[in-house]
Amino acid sequence: VDIVNIVVNNCMNVNCLTVDACEQCVTTESELKTYFIKKENYETLLKQYNTLEKHCISLELNNQLNTELFQRDNVSPSDSGPNFADLFEINELKAQIQERDTVILKLKEKIKSLRADDKESKVKDIETQNLELDHRVTKLTDENNHLKQTYKQLFDSIKSSRVQSKEQCDELINQVNLKSVEVADLNASLQERVLVITALKEQLKGKAVLS
């Protein structure tokens, strides 16, 4: 009976500690999920993940210790067996241990789910960023092609204008040259006429003197 009482008292103390730890785990898990939804302070989130896992490991160790104590008590020889009240408390503690095991399992599943969601969220963020970059690259490519086309049109226009200007200049030079030849011909014709007029005047003067 003394051994059973010692085991029961130890288990009750462990029960108080593990229940408090379990409540802290649930609170921490809730805070983690809130941080995850808000996507704030990722480093703090990771630390609280680790703290939550440590709590789960601590609970598992306590439960394993309690189980070993119960098994040791069941196989240990004693002069007198536990009474009904002791057996009831032992069964109650076993039920609480099983309940905590279930809580631990659920917490582990929550942690796994949160990590999976976190990875999925990162993948989605990266995919969104890649999509935005693709759109930007496509837009910049279109703008670049438009600028190239505009530059080509401008270059062709300037080239065509230069050709036309050269042709016009050549035509004007040719016309000036023709005019120069024409003027020279006119000057020569005028000189000939001046000489003819001068000769006629001299002839008229000679006739006037003879008469």
N, C-alpha and C. Protein backbone atom coordinates (compact mmCIF):
# COMPACT_ATOMS: atom_id res chain seq x y z
N VAL A 1 0.84 -1.21 0.00
CA VAL A 1 0.00 0.00 0.00
C VAL A 1 0.87 1.26 0.00
N ASP A 2 1.97 1.24 0.79
CA ASP A 2 2.85 2.41 0.81
C ASP A 2 3.46 2.68 -0.56
N ILE A 3 3.83 1.59 -1.24
CA ILE A 3 4.41 1.76 -2.59
C ILE A 3 3.39 2.37 -3.52
N VAL A 4 2.14 1.87 -3.44
CA VAL A 4 1.08 2.40 -4.29
C VAL A 4 0.84 3.87 -4.00
N ASN A 5 0.83 4.24 -2.70
CA ASN A 5 0.61 5.64 -2.33
C ASN A 5 1.72 6.54 -2.88
N ILE A 6 2.98 6.02 -2.78
CA ILE A 6 4.10 6.80 -3.31
C ILE A 6 3.95 7.01 -4.80
N VAL A 7 3.59 5.92 -5.51
CA VAL A 7 3.41 6.00 -6.96
C VAL A 7 2.29 6.96 -7.30
N VAL A 8 1.17 6.84 -6.55
CA VAL A 8 0.02 7.71 -6.82
C VAL A 8 0.38 9.17 -6.60
N ASN A 9 1.08 9.44 -5.46
CA ASN A 9 1.46 10.83 -5.17
C ASN A 9 2.41 11.37 -6.24
N ASN A 10 3.38 10.54 -6.65
CA ASN A 10 4.30 10.97 -7.71
C ASN A 10 3.56 11.24 -9.00
N CYS A 11 2.62 10.36 -9.31
CA CYS A 11 1.85 10.52 -10.54
C CYS A 11 0.97 11.77 -10.49
N MET A 12 0.42 12.07 -9.30
CA MET A 12 -0.41 13.27 -9.17
C MET A 12 0.44 14.52 -9.39
N ASN A 13 1.69 14.50 -8.82
CA ASN A 13 2.58 15.65 -9.04
C ASN A 13 2.94 15.79 -10.51
N VAL A 14 3.27 14.65 -11.13
CA VAL A 14 3.58 14.66 -12.56
C VAL A 14 2.38 15.12 -13.35
N ASN A 15 1.17 14.68 -12.89
CA ASN A 15 -0.07 15.06 -13.58
C ASN A 15 -0.24 16.57 -13.61
N CYS A 16 0.01 17.21 -12.46
CA CYS A 16 -0.12 18.67 -12.40
C CYS A 16 0.86 19.35 -13.36
N LEU A 17 2.10 18.83 -13.33
CA LEU A 17 3.11 19.43 -14.20
C LEU A 17 2.77 19.25 -15.66
N THR A 18 2.37 18.01 -16.00
CA THR A 18 2.11 17.72 -17.43
C THR A 18 0.86 18.43 -17.92
N VAL A 19 -0.15 18.57 -17.06
CA VAL A 19 -1.37 19.29 -17.47
C VAL A 19 -1.03 20.75 -17.76
N ASP A 20 -0.23 21.36 -16.83
CA ASP A 20 0.19 22.74 -17.07
C ASP A 20 1.00 22.85 -18.36
N ALA A 21 1.89 21.87 -18.54
CA ALA A 21 2.69 21.88 -19.77
C ALA A 21 1.82 21.72 -20.99
N CYS A 22 0.81 20.85 -20.89
CA CYS A 22 -0.10 20.62 -22.02
C CYS A 22 -0.87 21.89 -22.36
N GLU A 23 -1.37 22.57 -21.31
CA GLU A 23 -2.09 23.83 -21.54
C GLU A 23 -1.17 24.85 -22.20
N GLN A 24 0.09 24.87 -21.74
CA GLN A 24 1.04 25.79 -22.35
C GLN A 24 1.30 25.43 -23.80
N CYS A 25 1.32 24.12 -24.09
CA CYS A 25 1.51 23.67 -25.48
C CYS A 25 0.35 24.14 -26.36
N VAL A 26 -0.86 23.97 -25.85
CA VAL A 26 -2.04 24.38 -26.62
C VAL A 26 -2.01 25.89 -26.86
N THR A 27 -1.65 26.64 -25.80
CA THR A 27 -1.57 28.10 -25.94
C THR A 27 -0.50 28.48 -26.96
N THR A 28 0.65 27.83 -26.85
CA THR A 28 1.74 28.11 -27.79
C THR A 28 1.35 27.76 -29.21
N GLU A 29 0.66 26.62 -29.36
CA GLU A 29 0.22 26.21 -30.70
C GLU A 29 -0.75 27.22 -31.31
N SER A 30 -1.63 27.76 -30.46
CA SER A 30 -2.58 28.77 -30.94
C SER A 30 -1.85 30.03 -31.37
N GLU A 31 -0.86 30.43 -30.56
CA GLU A 31 -0.08 31.62 -30.91
C GLU A 31 0.69 31.40 -32.20
N LEU A 32 1.21 30.18 -32.37
CA LEU A 32 1.94 29.86 -33.60
C LEU A 32 1.04 30.01 -34.81
N LYS A 33 -0.17 29.48 -34.70
CA LYS A 33 -1.09 29.55 -35.83
C LYS A 33 -1.44 31.00 -36.15
N THR A 34 -1.62 31.82 -35.09
CA THR A 34 -1.92 33.23 -35.30
C THR A 34 -0.76 33.92 -36.02
N TYR A 35 0.46 33.63 -35.54
CA TYR A 35 1.63 34.21 -36.21
C TYR A 35 1.73 33.75 -37.65
N PHE A 36 1.39 32.47 -37.88
CA PHE A 36 1.46 31.94 -39.25
C PHE A 36 0.48 32.65 -40.16
N ILE A 37 -0.76 32.84 -39.67
CA ILE A 37 -1.78 33.51 -40.50
C ILE A 37 -1.34 34.93 -40.82
N LYS A 38 -0.80 35.61 -39.87
CA LYS A 38 -0.38 36.99 -40.08
C LYS A 38 0.95 37.08 -40.82
N LYS A 39 1.71 36.00 -40.89
CA LYS A 39 3.01 35.94 -41.57
C LYS A 39 3.98 36.97 -41.01
N GLU A 40 4.02 37.05 -39.68
CA GLU A 40 4.89 38.02 -39.05
C GLU A 40 5.88 37.30 -38.15
N ASN A 41 7.09 37.83 -38.11
CA ASN A 41 8.12 37.39 -37.18
C ASN A 41 8.38 35.90 -37.34
N TYR A 42 8.94 35.51 -38.47
CA TYR A 42 9.14 34.09 -38.77
C TYR A 42 10.15 33.45 -37.81
N GLU A 43 11.15 34.17 -37.40
CA GLU A 43 12.14 33.58 -36.50
C GLU A 43 11.52 33.23 -35.15
N THR A 44 10.67 34.12 -34.62
CA THR A 44 9.97 33.81 -33.38
C THR A 44 9.06 32.61 -33.56
N LEU A 45 8.43 32.53 -34.71
CA LEU A 45 7.56 31.39 -35.01
C LEU A 45 8.36 30.09 -34.97
N LEU A 46 9.54 30.07 -35.55
CA LEU A 46 10.36 28.87 -35.57
C LEU A 46 10.80 28.49 -34.16
N LYS A 47 11.16 29.47 -33.33
CA LYS A 47 11.54 29.19 -31.95
C LYS A 47 10.39 28.58 -31.16
N GLN A 48 9.20 29.10 -31.38
CA GLN A 48 8.05 28.56 -30.66
C GLN A 48 7.69 27.16 -31.16
N TYR A 49 7.96 26.89 -32.43
CA TYR A 49 7.82 25.51 -32.92
C TYR A 49 8.71 24.58 -32.10
N ASN A 50 9.97 24.97 -31.96
CA ASN A 50 10.93 24.14 -31.23
C ASN A 50 10.52 23.98 -29.77
N THR A 51 10.03 25.06 -29.17
CA THR A 51 9.56 24.98 -27.78
C THR A 51 8.40 24.02 -27.65
N LEU A 52 7.48 24.07 -28.61
CA LEU A 52 6.33 23.17 -28.59
C LEU A 52 6.78 21.72 -28.71
N GLU A 53 7.75 21.45 -29.56
CA GLU A 53 8.25 20.08 -29.70
C GLU A 53 8.91 19.61 -28.40
N LYS A 54 9.65 20.52 -27.75
CA LYS A 54 10.29 20.15 -26.48
C LYS A 54 9.24 19.80 -25.43
N HIS A 55 8.14 20.57 -25.38
CA HIS A 55 7.06 20.25 -24.44
C HIS A 55 6.49 18.87 -24.73
N CYS A 56 6.30 18.57 -26.01
CA CYS A 56 5.75 17.26 -26.37
C CYS A 56 6.69 16.14 -25.94
N ILE A 57 8.00 16.34 -26.17
CA ILE A 57 8.97 15.33 -25.76
C ILE A 57 8.96 15.16 -24.25
N SER A 58 8.88 16.28 -23.52
CA SER A 58 8.83 16.22 -22.05
C SER A 58 7.60 15.45 -21.57
N LEU A 59 6.46 15.71 -22.21
CA LEU A 59 5.25 14.97 -21.85
C LEU A 59 5.40 13.49 -22.12
N GLU A 60 6.01 13.14 -23.23
CA GLU A 60 6.20 11.73 -23.55
C GLU A 60 7.10 11.05 -22.52
N LEU A 61 8.16 11.75 -22.12
CA LEU A 61 9.06 11.17 -21.10
C LEU A 61 8.35 10.97 -19.77
N ASN A 62 7.55 11.97 -19.37
CA ASN A 62 6.80 11.83 -18.12
C ASN A 62 5.80 10.68 -18.18
N ASN A 63 5.12 10.57 -19.30
CA ASN A 63 4.16 9.47 -19.45
C ASN A 63 4.86 8.12 -19.44
N GLN A 64 6.03 8.06 -20.11
CA GLN A 64 6.77 6.81 -20.12
C GLN A 64 7.22 6.44 -18.71
N LEU A 65 7.67 7.44 -17.94
CA LEU A 65 8.09 7.19 -16.56
C LEU A 65 6.92 6.70 -15.72
N ASN A 66 5.77 7.33 -15.87
CA ASN A 66 4.59 6.89 -15.13
C ASN A 66 4.21 5.46 -15.49
N THR A 67 4.28 5.15 -16.77
CA THR A 67 3.93 3.79 -17.21
C THR A 67 4.88 2.77 -16.61
N GLU A 68 6.19 3.09 -16.61
CA GLU A 68 7.16 2.17 -16.02
C GLU A 68 6.92 1.98 -14.53
N LEU A 69 6.57 3.07 -13.84
CA LEU A 69 6.28 2.95 -12.40
C LEU A 69 5.07 2.06 -12.15
N PHE A 70 4.02 2.22 -12.98
CA PHE A 70 2.83 1.37 -12.83
C PHE A 70 3.17 -0.09 -13.09
N GLN A 71 3.95 -0.32 -14.16
CA GLN A 71 4.30 -1.70 -14.47
C GLN A 71 5.16 -2.31 -13.37
N ARG A 72 6.10 -1.52 -12.85
CA ARG A 72 6.96 -2.01 -11.77
C ARG A 72 6.14 -2.32 -10.52
N ASP A 73 5.15 -1.48 -10.25
CA ASP A 73 4.30 -1.71 -9.08
C ASP A 73 3.46 -2.97 -9.26
N ASN A 74 3.01 -3.22 -10.50
CA ASN A 74 2.18 -4.40 -10.74
C ASN A 74 2.95 -5.69 -10.60
N VAL A 75 4.27 -5.69 -10.95
CA VAL A 75 5.05 -6.92 -10.88
C VAL A 75 5.79 -7.06 -9.56
N SER A 76 5.87 -5.99 -8.74
CA SER A 76 6.60 -6.06 -7.46
C SER A 76 5.78 -6.83 -6.44
N PRO A 77 6.45 -7.74 -5.68
CA PRO A 77 5.72 -8.47 -4.62
C PRO A 77 5.40 -7.55 -3.46
N SER A 78 4.28 -7.73 -2.84
CA SER A 78 3.88 -6.95 -1.66
C SER A 78 3.06 -7.83 -0.74
N ASP A 79 3.09 -7.50 0.51
CA ASP A 79 2.36 -8.28 1.51
C ASP A 79 0.88 -8.11 1.38
N SER A 80 0.47 -6.91 1.01
CA SER A 80 -0.97 -6.67 0.88
C SER A 80 -1.22 -5.88 -0.39
N GLY A 81 -2.20 -6.26 -1.22
CA GLY A 81 -2.51 -5.59 -2.48
C GLY A 81 -3.22 -4.28 -2.23
N PRO A 82 -3.28 -3.41 -3.28
CA PRO A 82 -3.97 -2.12 -3.14
C PRO A 82 -5.47 -2.32 -2.97
N ASN A 83 -6.06 -1.39 -2.23
CA ASN A 83 -7.50 -1.47 -2.03
C ASN A 83 -8.23 -0.91 -3.25
N PHE A 84 -9.56 -0.88 -3.19
CA PHE A 84 -10.38 -0.46 -4.32
C PHE A 84 -10.14 1.01 -4.68
N ALA A 85 -9.99 1.85 -3.66
CA ALA A 85 -9.77 3.28 -3.91
C ALA A 85 -8.45 3.51 -4.63
N ASP A 86 -7.41 2.76 -4.20
CA ASP A 86 -6.11 2.90 -4.86
C ASP A 86 -6.18 2.46 -6.32
N LEU A 87 -6.86 1.33 -6.54
CA LEU A 87 -7.00 0.84 -7.92
C LEU A 87 -7.77 1.84 -8.78
N PHE A 88 -8.79 2.47 -8.20
CA PHE A 88 -9.58 3.46 -8.94
C PHE A 88 -8.71 4.66 -9.33
N GLU A 89 -7.88 5.12 -8.37
CA GLU A 89 -7.00 6.25 -8.67
C GLU A 89 -5.97 5.89 -9.74
N ILE A 90 -5.45 4.64 -9.63
CA ILE A 90 -4.47 4.19 -10.62
C ILE A 90 -5.09 4.16 -12.01
N ASN A 91 -6.30 3.60 -12.11
CA ASN A 91 -6.98 3.55 -13.41
C ASN A 91 -7.30 4.96 -13.93
N GLU A 92 -7.64 5.84 -13.00
CA GLU A 92 -7.91 7.22 -13.39
C GLU A 92 -6.66 7.89 -13.95
N LEU A 93 -5.52 7.63 -13.30
CA LEU A 93 -4.26 8.18 -13.78
C LEU A 93 -3.89 7.60 -15.14
N LYS A 94 -4.14 6.30 -15.31
CA LYS A 94 -3.86 5.68 -16.60
C LYS A 94 -4.70 6.32 -17.71
N ALA A 95 -5.97 6.60 -17.39
CA ALA A 95 -6.85 7.24 -18.37
C ALA A 95 -6.34 8.63 -18.72
N GLN A 96 -5.85 9.35 -17.69
CA GLN A 96 -5.31 10.69 -17.95
C GLN A 96 -4.05 10.62 -18.82
N ILE A 97 -3.23 9.59 -18.55
CA ILE A 97 -2.02 9.42 -19.36
C ILE A 97 -2.38 9.17 -20.82
N GLN A 98 -3.37 8.29 -21.04
CA GLN A 98 -3.82 8.02 -22.40
C GLN A 98 -4.38 9.28 -23.07
N GLU A 99 -5.10 10.06 -22.27
CA GLU A 99 -5.66 11.31 -22.81
C GLU A 99 -4.55 12.28 -23.21
N ARG A 100 -3.50 12.35 -22.37
CA ARG A 100 -2.38 13.23 -22.71
C ARG A 100 -1.63 12.72 -23.93
N ASP A 101 -1.53 11.38 -24.05
CA ASP A 101 -0.92 10.82 -25.26
C ASP A 101 -1.68 11.26 -26.51
N THR A 102 -3.00 11.27 -26.40
CA THR A 102 -3.83 11.71 -27.54
C THR A 102 -3.58 13.19 -27.84
N VAL A 103 -3.48 14.00 -26.77
CA VAL A 103 -3.20 15.43 -26.95
C VAL A 103 -1.85 15.63 -27.62
N ILE A 104 -0.85 14.86 -27.17
CA ILE A 104 0.49 14.96 -27.75
C ILE A 104 0.46 14.63 -29.23
N LEU A 105 -0.26 13.55 -29.58
CA LEU A 105 -0.37 13.14 -30.98
C LEU A 105 -1.02 14.24 -31.83
N LYS A 106 -2.08 14.83 -31.28
CA LYS A 106 -2.76 15.90 -32.01
C LYS A 106 -1.85 17.12 -32.18
N LEU A 107 -1.07 17.43 -31.12
CA LEU A 107 -0.15 18.56 -31.22
C LEU A 107 0.92 18.31 -32.29
N LYS A 108 1.41 17.06 -32.34
CA LYS A 108 2.39 16.73 -33.37
C LYS A 108 1.80 16.87 -34.77
N GLU A 109 0.55 16.43 -34.90
CA GLU A 109 -0.12 16.57 -36.20
C GLU A 109 -0.31 18.05 -36.56
N LYS A 110 -0.62 18.86 -35.52
CA LYS A 110 -0.77 20.30 -35.75
C LYS A 110 0.55 20.91 -36.24
N ILE A 111 1.65 20.51 -35.55
CA ILE A 111 2.96 21.03 -35.93
C ILE A 111 3.29 20.65 -37.37
N LYS A 112 3.04 19.37 -37.70
CA LYS A 112 3.31 18.90 -39.06
C LYS A 112 2.46 19.66 -40.08
N SER A 113 1.19 19.89 -39.72
CA SER A 113 0.29 20.60 -40.63
C SER A 113 0.74 22.05 -40.82
N LEU A 114 1.14 22.69 -39.70
CA LEU A 114 1.59 24.08 -39.79
C LEU A 114 2.85 24.21 -40.65
N ARG A 115 3.77 23.24 -40.47
CA ARG A 115 4.99 23.28 -41.27
C ARG A 115 4.67 23.05 -42.74
N ALA A 116 3.76 22.11 -43.01
CA ALA A 116 3.36 21.85 -44.40
C ALA A 116 2.70 23.09 -45.00
N ASP A 117 1.81 23.73 -44.19
CA ASP A 117 1.14 24.94 -44.68
C ASP A 117 2.15 26.05 -44.93
N ASP A 118 3.17 26.12 -44.03
CA ASP A 118 4.19 27.16 -44.18
C ASP A 118 4.98 26.95 -45.47
N LYS A 119 5.35 25.68 -45.75
CA LYS A 119 6.06 25.38 -47.00
C LYS A 119 5.19 25.68 -48.20
N GLU A 120 3.91 25.28 -48.11
CA GLU A 120 2.99 25.53 -49.23
C GLU A 120 2.83 27.02 -49.47
N SER A 121 2.77 27.78 -48.35
CA SER A 121 2.63 29.23 -48.49
C SER A 121 3.87 29.83 -49.16
N LYS A 122 5.06 29.33 -48.78
CA LYS A 122 6.28 29.84 -49.39
C LYS A 122 6.31 29.52 -50.88
N VAL A 123 5.89 28.28 -51.21
CA VAL A 123 5.86 27.89 -52.63
C VAL A 123 4.91 28.79 -53.41
N LYS A 124 3.73 29.06 -52.82
CA LYS A 124 2.76 29.92 -53.49
C LYS A 124 3.31 31.34 -53.66
N ASP A 125 4.00 31.83 -52.60
CA ASP A 125 4.59 33.16 -52.70
C ASP A 125 5.63 33.22 -53.82
N ILE A 126 6.47 32.17 -53.90
CA ILE A 126 7.49 32.13 -54.94
C ILE A 126 6.85 32.06 -56.32
N GLU A 127 5.79 31.22 -56.43
CA GLU A 127 5.09 31.11 -57.72
C GLU A 127 4.48 32.45 -58.12
N THR A 128 3.90 33.15 -57.13
CA THR A 128 3.31 34.46 -57.41
C THR A 128 4.38 35.45 -57.87
N GLN A 129 5.53 35.44 -57.18
CA GLN A 129 6.62 36.34 -57.57
C GLN A 129 7.14 36.00 -58.96
N ASN A 130 7.27 34.69 -59.25
CA ASN A 130 7.72 34.28 -60.58
C ASN A 130 6.75 34.73 -61.66
N LEU A 131 5.44 34.61 -61.35
CA LEU A 131 4.43 35.03 -62.32
C LEU A 131 4.52 36.54 -62.57
N GLU A 132 4.69 37.30 -61.49
CA GLU A 132 4.83 38.75 -61.64
C GLU A 132 6.09 39.10 -62.45
N LEU A 133 7.18 38.37 -62.18
CA LEU A 133 8.41 38.62 -62.93
C LEU A 133 8.23 38.28 -64.41
N ASP A 134 7.51 37.18 -64.67
CA ASP A 134 7.24 36.81 -66.07
C ASP A 134 6.46 37.92 -66.78
N HIS A 135 5.45 38.46 -66.08
CA HIS A 135 4.67 39.56 -66.67
C HIS A 135 5.57 40.78 -66.94
N ARG A 136 6.43 41.08 -65.98
CA ARG A 136 7.32 42.24 -66.15
C ARG A 136 8.30 42.02 -67.31
N VAL A 137 8.84 40.79 -67.39
CA VAL A 137 9.76 40.48 -68.49
C VAL A 137 9.05 40.59 -69.83
N THR A 138 7.83 40.04 -69.89
CA THR A 138 7.05 40.12 -71.14
C THR A 138 6.78 41.58 -71.52
N LYS A 139 6.40 42.38 -70.52
CA LYS A 139 6.12 43.80 -70.78
C LYS A 139 7.37 44.53 -71.26
N LEU A 140 8.51 44.27 -70.59
CA LEU A 140 9.75 44.92 -70.98
C LEU A 140 10.20 44.47 -72.37
N THR A 141 9.98 43.19 -72.68
CA THR A 141 10.33 42.69 -74.01
C THR A 141 9.51 43.37 -75.09
N ASP A 142 8.21 43.51 -74.82
CA ASP A 142 7.34 44.20 -75.78
C ASP A 142 7.77 45.66 -75.97
N GLU A 143 8.08 46.32 -74.85
CA GLU A 143 8.53 47.72 -74.94
C GLU A 143 9.85 47.82 -75.72
N ASN A 144 10.75 46.87 -75.46
CA ASN A 144 12.03 46.87 -76.16
C ASN A 144 11.84 46.66 -77.67
N ASN A 145 10.97 45.72 -78.02
CA ASN A 145 10.68 45.49 -79.45
C ASN A 145 10.06 46.71 -80.10
N HIS A 146 9.17 47.38 -79.35
CA HIS A 146 8.54 48.60 -79.88
C HIS A 146 9.59 49.69 -80.10
N LEU A 147 10.51 49.83 -79.15
CA LEU A 147 11.57 50.83 -79.30
C LEU A 147 12.47 50.51 -80.50
N LYS A 148 12.77 49.22 -80.67
CA LYS A 148 13.59 48.82 -81.81
C LYS A 148 12.89 49.15 -83.13
N GLN A 149 11.59 48.86 -83.18
CA GLN A 149 10.83 49.15 -84.39
C GLN A 149 10.78 50.65 -84.68
N THR A 150 10.55 51.43 -83.61
CA THR A 150 10.52 52.89 -83.76
C THR A 150 11.86 53.42 -84.24
N TYR A 151 12.94 52.90 -83.65
CA TYR A 151 14.29 53.33 -84.05
C TYR A 151 14.54 52.98 -85.51
N LYS A 152 14.13 51.77 -85.92
CA LYS A 152 14.34 51.35 -87.32
C LYS A 152 13.57 52.27 -88.28
N GLN A 153 12.32 52.56 -87.92
CA GLN A 153 11.53 53.46 -88.77
C GLN A 153 12.17 54.84 -88.85
N LEU A 154 12.64 55.33 -87.70
CA LEU A 154 13.29 56.65 -87.69
C LEU A 154 14.57 56.64 -88.53
N PHE A 155 15.35 55.57 -88.38
CA PHE A 155 16.59 55.46 -89.14
C PHE A 155 16.31 55.40 -90.64
N ASP A 156 15.31 54.58 -91.01
CA ASP A 156 14.94 54.48 -92.44
C ASP A 156 14.46 55.83 -92.97
N SER A 157 13.69 56.54 -92.13
CA SER A 157 13.18 57.85 -92.56
C SER A 157 14.33 58.83 -92.77
N ILE A 158 15.29 58.83 -91.83
CA ILE A 158 16.44 59.74 -91.96
C ILE A 158 17.27 59.37 -93.20
N LYS A 159 17.46 58.07 -93.39
CA LYS A 159 18.22 57.62 -94.55
C LYS A 159 17.54 58.04 -95.86
N SER A 160 16.22 57.84 -95.90
CA SER A 160 15.46 58.23 -97.09
C SER A 160 15.54 59.74 -97.31
N SER A 161 15.43 60.50 -96.21
CA SER A 161 15.51 61.96 -96.33
C SER A 161 16.87 62.40 -96.84
N ARG A 162 17.92 61.73 -96.36
CA ARG A 162 19.27 62.08 -96.82
C ARG A 162 19.42 61.79 -98.31
N VAL A 163 18.87 60.66 -98.75
CA VAL A 163 18.94 60.33 -100.18
C VAL A 163 18.20 61.37 -101.01
N GLN A 164 16.99 61.71 -100.54
CA GLN A 164 16.21 62.72 -101.26
C GLN A 164 16.92 64.07 -101.27
N SER A 165 17.50 64.44 -100.13
CA SER A 165 18.22 65.71 -100.06
C SER A 165 19.41 65.72 -101.01
N LYS A 166 20.13 64.61 -101.06
CA LYS A 166 21.27 64.53 -101.98
C LYS A 166 20.81 64.65 -103.43
N GLU A 167 19.72 63.96 -103.76
CA GLU A 167 19.20 64.05 -105.13
C GLU A 167 18.78 65.48 -105.47
N GLN A 168 18.12 66.14 -104.49
CA GLN A 168 17.70 67.52 -104.72
C GLN A 168 18.91 68.44 -104.89
N CYS A 169 19.94 68.23 -104.06
CA CYS A 169 21.15 69.05 -104.17
C CYS A 169 21.83 68.83 -105.52
N ASP A 170 21.91 67.57 -105.93
CA ASP A 170 22.52 67.28 -107.24
C ASP A 170 21.73 67.95 -108.37
N GLU A 171 20.42 67.91 -108.26
CA GLU A 171 19.57 68.53 -109.28
C GLU A 171 19.78 70.04 -109.32
N LEU A 172 19.85 70.66 -108.14
CA LEU A 172 20.08 72.10 -108.08
C LEU A 172 21.44 72.47 -108.65
N ILE A 173 22.45 71.69 -108.31
CA ILE A 173 23.80 71.96 -108.84
C ILE A 173 23.81 71.86 -110.37
N ASN A 174 23.11 70.83 -110.85
CA ASN A 174 23.03 70.66 -112.31
C ASN A 174 22.34 71.85 -112.98
N GLN A 175 21.24 72.29 -112.34
CA GLN A 175 20.52 73.46 -112.89
C GLN A 175 21.39 74.70 -112.86
N VAL A 176 22.15 74.90 -111.78
CA VAL A 176 23.05 76.06 -111.69
C VAL A 176 24.11 76.01 -112.78
N ASN A 177 24.63 74.82 -112.98
CA ASN A 177 25.65 74.66 -114.04
C ASN A 177 25.07 74.99 -115.42
N LEU A 178 23.84 74.50 -115.66
CA LEU A 178 23.20 74.80 -116.95
C LEU A 178 22.98 76.30 -117.11
N LYS A 179 22.52 76.93 -116.03
CA LYS A 179 22.29 78.38 -116.08
C LYS A 179 23.61 79.13 -116.34
N SER A 180 24.67 78.63 -115.72
CA SER A 180 25.98 79.28 -115.91
C SER A 180 26.41 79.20 -117.37
N VAL A 181 26.21 78.04 -117.98
CA VAL A 181 26.55 77.87 -119.40
C VAL A 181 25.69 78.79 -120.26
N GLU A 182 24.42 78.86 -119.91
CA GLU A 182 23.49 79.72 -120.67
C GLU A 182 23.89 81.18 -120.55
N VAL A 183 24.25 81.60 -119.34
CA VAL A 183 24.68 82.99 -119.13
C VAL A 183 25.97 83.28 -119.91
N ALA A 184 26.86 82.30 -119.90
CA ALA A 184 28.12 82.49 -120.65
C ALA A 184 27.84 82.65 -122.14
N ASP A 185 26.92 81.83 -122.64
CA ASP A 185 26.55 81.94 -124.06
C ASP A 185 25.94 83.30 -124.37
N LEU A 186 25.08 83.77 -123.46
CA LEU A 186 24.46 85.08 -123.65
C LEU A 186 25.51 86.19 -123.64
N ASN A 187 26.47 86.08 -122.74
CA ASN A 187 27.54 87.09 -122.68
C ASN A 187 28.35 87.11 -123.98
N ALA A 188 28.63 85.94 -124.48
CA ALA A 188 29.39 85.86 -125.74
C ALA A 188 28.60 86.47 -126.90
N SER A 189 27.29 86.18 -126.91
CA SER A 189 26.43 86.74 -127.97
C SER A 189 26.38 88.25 -127.87
N LEU A 190 26.29 88.77 -126.64
CA LEU A 190 26.27 90.22 -126.44
C LEU A 190 27.57 90.85 -126.91
N GLN A 191 28.68 90.21 -126.61
CA GLN A 191 29.98 90.74 -127.03
C GLN A 191 30.05 90.82 -128.56
N GLU A 192 29.55 89.79 -129.23
CA GLU A 192 29.55 89.80 -130.69
C GLU A 192 28.70 90.94 -131.23
N ARG A 193 27.53 91.12 -130.61
CA ARG A 193 26.64 92.20 -131.05
C ARG A 193 27.28 93.57 -130.82
N VAL A 194 27.97 93.70 -129.68
CA VAL A 194 28.64 94.99 -129.39
C VAL A 194 29.69 95.28 -130.47
N LEU A 195 30.42 94.25 -130.85
CA LEU A 195 31.45 94.42 -131.89
C LEU A 195 30.82 94.81 -133.24
N VAL A 196 29.69 94.16 -133.57
CA VAL A 196 29.00 94.47 -134.83
C VAL A 196 28.51 95.91 -134.83
N ILE A 197 27.90 96.31 -133.70
CA ILE A 197 27.39 97.69 -133.59
C ILE A 197 28.54 98.69 -133.70
N THR A 198 29.64 98.39 -133.05
CA THR A 198 30.80 99.30 -133.10
C THR A 198 31.30 99.44 -134.54
N ALA A 199 31.35 98.32 -135.24
CA ALA A 199 31.83 98.34 -136.65
C ALA A 199 30.87 99.14 -137.54
N LEU A 200 29.60 98.98 -137.34
CA LEU A 200 28.61 99.73 -138.11
C LEU A 200 28.75 101.23 -137.84
N LYS A 201 28.97 101.59 -136.60
CA LYS A 201 29.14 103.00 -136.25
C LYS A 201 30.36 103.58 -136.98
N GLU A 202 31.43 102.81 -137.03
CA GLU A 202 32.66 103.29 -137.69
C GLU A 202 32.42 103.49 -139.19
N GLN A 203 31.66 102.55 -139.78
CA GLN A 203 31.35 102.69 -141.20
C GLN A 203 30.51 103.94 -141.46
N LEU A 204 29.54 104.21 -140.62
CA LEU A 204 28.69 105.38 -140.77
C LEU A 204 29.51 106.66 -140.65
N LYS A 205 30.44 106.70 -139.73
CA LYS A 205 31.29 107.88 -139.55
C LYS A 205 32.15 108.12 -140.82
N GLY A 206 32.67 107.07 -141.42
CA GLY A 206 33.51 107.19 -142.62
C GLY A 206 32.71 107.73 -143.80
N LYS A 207 31.51 107.30 -144.00
CA LYS A 207 30.66 107.78 -145.07
C LYS A 207 30.33 109.25 -144.87
N ALA A 208 30.11 109.65 -143.64
CA ALA A 208 29.77 111.05 -143.36
C ALA A 208 30.94 111.96 -143.70
N VAL A 209 32.14 111.58 -143.49
CA VAL A 209 33.34 112.39 -143.78
C VAL A 209 33.51 112.53 -145.29
N LEU A 210 33.28 111.50 -146.08
CA LEU A 210 33.44 111.52 -147.53
C LEU A 210 32.40 112.44 -148.18
N SER A 211 31.27 112.49 -147.73
CA SER A 211 30.26 113.33 -148.32
C SER A 211 30.42 114.77 -147.81
